[in-house]
Amino acid sequence: MSDNLYPISDRLLKQSDRESLVGQSAKVIWMCGLSGSGKSTLATALEKKLFSQKRLVYVLDGDNIRTGLNSGLSFSDEDRRENIRRIAEVSKLFVDAGVISINSFITPNADLRKMARETIGKENLIEVYVKASFETCMKRDVKGLYAKADKGLVPLFTGKDSGFEEPPDSDLVIDTEAQSVEESLELLFQFVSPLIEI
């Protein structure tokens, strides 16, 4: 392979140039947790709150990733890894573009979370564990996935057929069983706000 495969990379704008243009420090806010824990609810609420403050922000979650970029992937361990790898690479580009990316993905084990962190860069990733028990998430069953999993219609369902490892060292833990959506959003917003200032 040629050493000169990307001959223009040294002539491209830097991340700091784009951050200066939009007046923010680009970060990836990566929210992990069980299906139904509140990740998507918090992601969309945070997006609206930051956008109202003139922040350039974008949400990545299963709805806009699994229906497009990763539509050909299954839920096997291998494809779950590829799913997270692609999301991390896209997030890395978003950061380089000066965008705040709010990611909402189960990301069930330490290996996947480590891969995302190493791809994006530790300095650019804020890991948030949105915590709720399997039993609570099953009662919420916002998307009807737990009911389908009970009938065997969702293969390798996380928390039931496939394990979920609680992250021991997330930057922030939000317990949605103990706090309302409003309280959880405020905690998330107050934590993130200083980190996106230039």
C-alpha atoms as a PDB file:
ATOM      1  CA  MET A   1       0.000   0.000   0.000  1.00  0.00           C
ATOM      2  CA  SER A   2       1.288   3.428  -0.902  1.00  0.00           C
ATOM      3  CA  ASP A   3       2.368   5.761   1.903  1.00  0.00           C
ATOM      4  CA  ASN A   4       0.806   8.529  -0.161  1.00  0.00           C
ATOM      5  CA  LEU A   5      -2.739   7.127  -0.149  1.00  0.00           C
ATOM      6  CA  TYR A   6      -4.239  10.277   1.404  1.00  0.00           C
ATOM      7  CA  PRO A   7      -2.108  13.076  -0.065  1.00  0.00           C
ATOM      8  CA  ILE A   8      -4.450  15.928   0.936  1.00  0.00           C
ATOM      9  CA  SER A   9      -4.868  15.114   4.640  1.00  0.00           C
ATOM     10  CA  ASP A  10      -2.246  17.643   5.715  1.00  0.00           C
ATOM     11  CA  ARG A  11      -4.078  20.377   3.789  1.00  0.00           C
ATOM     12  CA  LEU A  12      -7.515  19.841   5.320  1.00  0.00           C
ATOM     13  CA  LEU A  13      -8.977  22.145   7.948  1.00  0.00           C
ATOM     14  CA  LYS A  14      -8.410  21.133  11.552  1.00  0.00           C
ATOM     15  CA  GLN A  15     -11.095  20.239  14.090  1.00  0.00           C
ATOM     16  CA  SER A  16     -10.215  23.390  16.031  1.00  0.00           C
ATOM     17  CA  ASP A  17     -10.916  25.522  12.940  1.00  0.00           C
ATOM     18  CA  ARG A  18     -14.438  24.147  12.674  1.00  0.00           C
ATOM     19  CA  GLU A  19     -15.012  24.360  16.425  1.00  0.00           C
ATOM     20  CA  SER A  20     -14.097  28.044  16.293  1.00  0.00           C
ATOM     21  CA  LEU A  21     -16.614  28.587  13.498  1.00  0.00           C
ATOM     22  CA  VAL A  22     -19.510  27.046  15.440  1.00  0.00           C
ATOM     23  CA  GLY A  23     -18.335  28.203  18.885  1.00  0.00           C
ATOM     24  CA  GLN A  24     -18.259  24.872  20.666  1.00  0.00           C
ATOM     25  CA  SER A  25     -15.985  22.028  21.635  1.00  0.00           C
ATOM     26  CA  ALA A  26     -17.114  18.967  19.671  1.00  0.00           C
ATOM     27  CA  LYS A  27     -17.820  15.895  21.789  1.00  0.00           C
ATOM     28  CA  VAL A  28     -19.514  12.539  21.484  1.00  0.00           C
ATOM     29  CA  ILE A  29     -21.972  11.966  24.318  1.00  0.00           C
ATOM     30  CA  TRP A  30     -22.241   8.170  24.209  1.00  0.00           C
ATOM     31  CA  MET A  31     -25.204   6.880  26.202  1.00  0.00           C
ATOM     32  CA  CYS A  32     -25.255   3.157  26.941  1.00  0.00           C
ATOM     33  CA  GLY A  33     -27.808   1.063  28.801  1.00  0.00           C
ATOM     34  CA  LEU A  34     -30.552  -1.490  28.335  1.00  0.00           C
ATOM     35  CA  SER A  35     -33.342  -1.041  25.824  1.00  0.00           C
ATOM     36  CA  GLY A  36     -36.003   1.022  27.578  1.00  0.00           C
ATOM     37  CA  SER A  37     -33.631   2.593  30.105  1.00  0.00           C
ATOM     38  CA  GLY A  38     -34.308   6.075  28.720  1.00  0.00           C
ATOM     39  CA  LYS A  39     -31.349   6.630  26.378  1.00  0.00           C
ATOM     40  CA  SER A  40     -33.345   7.826  23.370  1.00  0.00           C
ATOM     41  CA  THR A  41     -35.659   9.957  25.496  1.00  0.00           C
ATOM     42  CA  LEU A  42     -32.687  11.726  27.067  1.00  0.00           C
ATOM     43  CA  ALA A  43     -30.818  11.978  23.750  1.00  0.00           C
ATOM     44  CA  THR A  44     -33.666  13.730  21.940  1.00  0.00           C
ATOM     45  CA  ALA A  45     -34.391  15.989  24.929  1.00  0.00           C
ATOM     46  CA  LEU A  46     -30.727  16.981  25.225  1.00  0.00           C
ATOM     47  CA  GLU A  47     -30.528  17.622  21.485  1.00  0.00           C
ATOM     48  CA  LYS A  48     -33.444  20.059  21.675  1.00  0.00           C
ATOM     49  CA  LYS A  49     -32.030  21.802  24.749  1.00  0.00           C
ATOM     50  CA  LEU A  50     -28.576  22.247  23.202  1.00  0.00           C
ATOM     51  CA  PHE A  51     -30.016  23.260  19.827  1.00  0.00           C
ATOM     52  CA  SER A  52     -32.088  25.959  21.550  1.00  0.00           C
ATOM     53  CA  GLN A  53     -28.761  27.348  22.766  1.00  0.00           C
ATOM     54  CA  LYS A  54     -27.470  27.526  19.185  1.00  0.00           C
ATOM     55  CA  ARG A  55     -25.367  24.362  19.437  1.00  0.00           C
ATOM     56  CA  LEU A  56     -24.691  22.278  16.340  1.00  0.00           C
ATOM     57  CA  VAL A  57     -25.829  18.869  17.537  1.00  0.00           C
ATOM     58  CA  TYR A  58     -27.005  15.559  16.063  1.00  0.00           C
ATOM     59  CA  VAL A  59     -28.473  12.360  17.525  1.00  0.00           C
ATOM     60  CA  LEU A  60     -27.303   8.949  16.351  1.00  0.00           C
ATOM     61  CA  ASP A  61     -29.411   5.984  17.449  1.00  0.00           C
ATOM     62  CA  GLY A  62     -30.796   2.702  16.191  1.00  0.00           C
ATOM     63  CA  ASP A  63     -33.596   4.368  14.243  1.00  0.00           C
ATOM     64  CA  ASN A  64     -31.312   6.336  11.944  1.00  0.00           C
ATOM     65  CA  ILE A  65     -28.370   3.903  11.893  1.00  0.00           C
ATOM     66  CA  ARG A  66     -29.990   0.459  11.632  1.00  0.00           C
ATOM     67  CA  THR A  67     -32.372   1.634   8.890  1.00  0.00           C
ATOM     68  CA  GLY A  68     -29.602   3.050   6.717  1.00  0.00           C
ATOM     69  CA  LEU A  69     -25.872   2.752   7.252  1.00  0.00           C
ATOM     70  CA  ASN A  70     -26.129  -0.532   9.150  1.00  0.00           C
ATOM     71  CA  SER A  71     -29.338  -1.942   7.680  1.00  0.00           C
ATOM     72  CA  GLY A  72     -27.559  -5.127   6.540  1.00  0.00           C
ATOM     73  CA  LEU A  73     -26.296  -6.069  10.000  1.00  0.00           C
ATOM     74  CA  SER A  74     -27.896  -8.672  12.266  1.00  0.00           C
ATOM     75  CA  PHE A  75     -27.738  -8.866  16.068  1.00  0.00           C
ATOM     76  CA  SER A  76     -25.029 -11.512  16.192  1.00  0.00           C
ATOM     77  CA  ASP A  77     -21.975 -10.704  18.320  1.00  0.00           C
ATOM     78  CA  GLU A  78     -19.915 -10.115  15.177  1.00  0.00           C
ATOM     79  CA  ASP A  79     -22.474  -7.764  13.622  1.00  0.00           C
ATOM     80  CA  ARG A  80     -23.051  -5.921  16.904  1.00  0.00           C
ATOM     81  CA  ARG A  81     -19.328  -5.227  16.993  1.00  0.00           C
ATOM     82  CA  GLU A  82     -19.378  -3.997  13.395  1.00  0.00           C
ATOM     83  CA  ASN A  83     -22.411  -1.852  14.202  1.00  0.00           C
ATOM     84  CA  ILE A  84     -20.540  -0.099  17.032  1.00  0.00           C
ATOM     85  CA  ARG A  85     -17.327   0.143  14.979  1.00  0.00           C
ATOM     86  CA  ARG A  86     -19.133   1.973  12.156  1.00  0.00           C
ATOM     87  CA  ILE A  87     -20.975   4.256  14.585  1.00  0.00           C
ATOM     88  CA  ALA A  88     -17.684   5.131  16.282  1.00  0.00           C
ATOM     89  CA  GLU A  89     -16.057   5.952  12.940  1.00  0.00           C
ATOM     90  CA  VAL A  90     -18.994   8.175  11.940  1.00  0.00           C
ATOM     91  CA  SER A  91     -18.869   9.852  15.354  1.00  0.00           C
ATOM     92  CA  LYS A  92     -15.163  10.515  14.884  1.00  0.00           C
ATOM     93  CA  LEU A  93     -15.944  12.328  11.621  1.00  0.00           C
ATOM     94  CA  PHE A  94     -18.685  14.332  13.357  1.00  0.00           C
ATOM     95  CA  VAL A  95     -16.220  15.454  16.022  1.00  0.00           C
ATOM     96  CA  ASP A  96     -13.731  16.461  13.348  1.00  0.00           C
ATOM     97  CA  ALA A  97     -16.536  18.482  11.723  1.00  0.00           C
ATOM     98  CA  GLY A  98     -17.120  20.357  15.003  1.00  0.00           C
ATOM     99  CA  VAL A  99     -20.472  18.676  15.711  1.00  0.00           C
ATOM    100  CA  ILE A 100     -21.714  17.492  19.107  1.00  0.00           C
ATOM    101  CA  SER A 101     -22.931  13.934  18.582  1.00  0.00           C
ATOM    102  CA  ILE A 102     -25.378  12.378  21.045  1.00  0.00           C
ATOM    103  CA  ASN A 103     -25.225   8.603  20.652  1.00  0.00           C
ATOM    104  CA  SER A 104     -27.863   6.277  22.050  1.00  0.00           C
ATOM    105  CA  PHE A 105     -26.790   2.629  21.808  1.00  0.00           C
ATOM    106  CA  ILE A 106     -27.009  -0.303  24.217  1.00  0.00           C
ATOM    107  CA  THR A 107     -23.252  -0.982  23.838  1.00  0.00           C
ATOM    108  CA  PRO A 108     -23.538  -4.000  26.130  1.00  0.00           C
ATOM    109  CA  ASN A 109     -19.961  -4.803  27.080  1.00  0.00           C
ATOM    110  CA  ALA A 110     -16.635  -3.280  28.046  1.00  0.00           C
ATOM    111  CA  ASP A 111     -14.938  -4.409  24.841  1.00  0.00           C
ATOM    112  CA  LEU A 112     -17.368  -2.470  22.642  1.00  0.00           C
ATOM    113  CA  ARG A 113     -17.202   0.620  24.839  1.00  0.00           C
ATOM    114  CA  LYS A 114     -13.399   0.476  24.780  1.00  0.00           C
ATOM    115  CA  MET A 115     -13.383   0.205  20.981  1.00  0.00           C
ATOM    116  CA  ALA A 116     -15.640   3.252  20.675  1.00  0.00           C
ATOM    117  CA  ARG A 117     -13.477   5.248  23.095  1.00  0.00           C
ATOM    118  CA  GLU A 118     -10.243   4.345  21.291  1.00  0.00           C
ATOM    119  CA  THR A 119     -11.718   5.123  17.862  1.00  0.00           C
ATOM    120  CA  ILE A 120     -13.196   8.480  18.820  1.00  0.00           C
ATOM    121  CA  GLY A 121     -10.458   9.465  21.271  1.00  0.00           C
ATOM    122  CA  LYS A 122     -10.855   9.497  25.039  1.00  0.00           C
ATOM    123  CA  GLU A 123     -10.648  13.298  25.115  1.00  0.00           C
ATOM    124  CA  ASN A 124     -13.636  13.552  22.744  1.00  0.00           C
ATOM    125  CA  LEU A 125     -15.984  10.993  24.308  1.00  0.00           C
ATOM    126  CA  ILE A 126     -18.272  11.435  27.301  1.00  0.00           C
ATOM    127  CA  GLU A 127     -19.642   8.057  28.387  1.00  0.00           C
ATOM    128  CA  VAL A 128     -23.014   8.169  30.128  1.00  0.00           C
ATOM    129  CA  TYR A 129     -24.548   5.056  31.640  1.00  0.00           C
ATOM    130  CA  VAL A 130     -28.327   5.337  31.630  1.00  0.00           C
ATOM    131  CA  LYS A 131     -29.165   2.890  34.381  1.00  0.00           C
ATOM    132  CA  ALA A 132     -32.366   0.925  34.860  1.00  0.00           C
ATOM    133  CA  SER A 133     -32.931  -2.716  35.763  1.00  0.00           C
ATOM    134  CA  PHE A 134     -34.059  -5.313  33.251  1.00  0.00           C
ATOM    135  CA  GLU A 135     -37.335  -5.653  35.189  1.00  0.00           C
ATOM    136  CA  THR A 136     -38.054  -1.918  35.023  1.00  0.00           C
ATOM    137  CA  CYS A 137     -37.195  -1.743  31.324  1.00  0.00           C
ATOM    138  CA  MET A 138     -39.436  -4.746  30.691  1.00  0.00           C
ATOM    139  CA  LYS A 139     -42.350  -2.983  32.430  1.00  0.00           C
ATOM    140  CA  ARG A 140     -41.767   0.167  30.372  1.00  0.00           C
ATOM    141  CA  ASP A 141     -41.352  -1.785  27.102  1.00  0.00           C
ATOM    142  CA  VAL A 142     -41.572   1.454  25.132  1.00  0.00           C
ATOM    143  CA  LYS A 143     -40.959  -0.197  21.751  1.00  0.00           C
ATOM    144  CA  GLY A 144     -42.671  -3.513  22.475  1.00  0.00           C
ATOM    145  CA  LEU A 145     -39.355  -5.344  22.203  1.00  0.00           C
ATOM    146  CA  TYR A 146     -39.602  -7.151  25.532  1.00  0.00           C
ATOM    147  CA  ALA A 147     -42.982  -8.617  24.577  1.00  0.00           C
ATOM    148  CA  LYS A 148     -41.517  -9.787  21.261  1.00  0.00           C
ATOM    149  CA  ALA A 149     -38.446 -11.204  23.027  1.00  0.00           C
ATOM    150  CA  ASP A 150     -40.726 -13.195  25.360  1.00  0.00           C
ATOM    151  CA  LYS A 151     -42.273 -14.776  22.270  1.00  0.00           C
ATOM    152  CA  GLY A 152     -38.848 -15.559  20.813  1.00  0.00           C
ATOM    153  CA  LEU A 153     -39.255 -12.998  18.023  1.00  0.00           C
ATOM    154  CA  VAL A 154     -36.147 -10.969  18.925  1.00  0.00           C
ATOM    155  CA  PRO A 155     -33.008 -13.124  18.758  1.00  0.00           C
ATOM    156  CA  LEU A 156     -30.158 -12.510  21.214  1.00  0.00           C
ATOM    157  CA  PHE A 157     -32.114  -9.873  23.145  1.00  0.00           C
ATOM    158  CA  THR A 158     -29.804  -7.935  25.471  1.00  0.00           C
ATOM    159  CA  GLY A 159     -30.411  -8.668  29.129  1.00  0.00           C
ATOM    160  CA  LYS A 160     -32.318 -11.856  28.343  1.00  0.00           C
ATOM    161  CA  ASP A 161     -30.453 -14.009  25.795  1.00  0.00           C
ATOM    162  CA  SER A 162     -27.387 -11.791  25.526  1.00  0.00           C
ATOM    163  CA  GLY A 163     -25.595 -10.272  28.489  1.00  0.00           C
ATOM    164  CA  PHE A 164     -25.197  -6.644  29.520  1.00  0.00           C
ATOM    165  CA  GLU A 165     -22.121  -5.630  31.521  1.00  0.00           C
ATOM    166  CA  GLU A 166     -22.669  -2.580  33.691  1.00  0.00           C
ATOM    167  CA  PRO A 167     -19.889  -0.063  32.998  1.00  0.00           C
ATOM    168  CA  PRO A 168     -17.858   0.481  36.187  1.00  0.00           C
ATOM    169  CA  ASP A 169     -16.224   3.738  35.151  1.00  0.00           C
ATOM    170  CA  SER A 170     -18.639   5.850  33.107  1.00  0.00           C
ATOM    171  CA  ASP A 171     -18.150   9.613  33.227  1.00  0.00           C
ATOM    172  CA  LEU A 172     -21.736   9.982  34.407  1.00  0.00           C
ATOM    173  CA  VAL A 173     -24.391   7.558  35.687  1.00  0.00           C
ATOM    174  CA  ILE A 174     -28.046   8.536  35.383  1.00  0.00           C
ATOM    175  CA  ASP A 175     -30.445   6.298  37.302  1.00  0.00           C
ATOM    176  CA  THR A 176     -33.776   6.682  35.537  1.00  0.00           C
ATOM    177  CA  GLU A 177     -35.518   4.533  38.141  1.00  0.00           C
ATOM    178  CA  ALA A 178     -34.652   7.041  40.853  1.00  0.00           C
ATOM    179  CA  GLN A 179     -35.130  10.248  38.836  1.00  0.00           C
ATOM    180  CA  SER A 180     -37.753  11.713  36.535  1.00  0.00           C
ATOM    181  CA  VAL A 181     -36.998  12.503  32.888  1.00  0.00           C
ATOM    182  CA  GLU A 182     -36.748  16.195  33.799  1.00  0.00           C
ATOM    183  CA  GLU A 183     -34.323  15.534  36.656  1.00  0.00           C
ATOM    184  CA  SER A 184     -32.246  13.185  34.501  1.00  0.00           C
ATOM    185  CA  LEU A 185     -32.084  15.709  31.662  1.00  0.00           C
ATOM    186  CA  GLU A 186     -30.994  18.488  34.024  1.00  0.00           C
ATOM    187  CA  LEU A 187     -28.246  16.296  35.480  1.00  0.00           C
ATOM    188  CA  LEU A 188     -27.044  15.400  31.972  1.00  0.00           C
ATOM    189  CA  PHE A 189     -27.193  18.995  30.754  1.00  0.00           C
ATOM    190  CA  GLN A 190     -25.301  20.379  33.752  1.00  0.00           C
ATOM    191  CA  PHE A 191     -22.586  17.739  33.338  1.00  0.00           C
ATOM    192  CA  VAL A 192     -22.168  18.194  29.574  1.00  0.00           C
ATOM    193  CA  SER A 193     -22.408  21.996  29.339  1.00  0.00           C
ATOM    194  CA  PRO A 194     -18.921  22.889  30.653  1.00  0.00           C
ATOM    195  CA  LEU A 195     -17.338  20.203  28.473  1.00  0.00           C
ATOM    196  CA  ILE A 196     -18.624  21.647  25.197  1.00  0.00           C
ATOM    197  CA  GLU A 197     -17.397  25.182  25.871  1.00  0.00           C
ATOM    198  CA  ILE A 198     -14.340  26.299  23.909  1.00  0.00           C
END
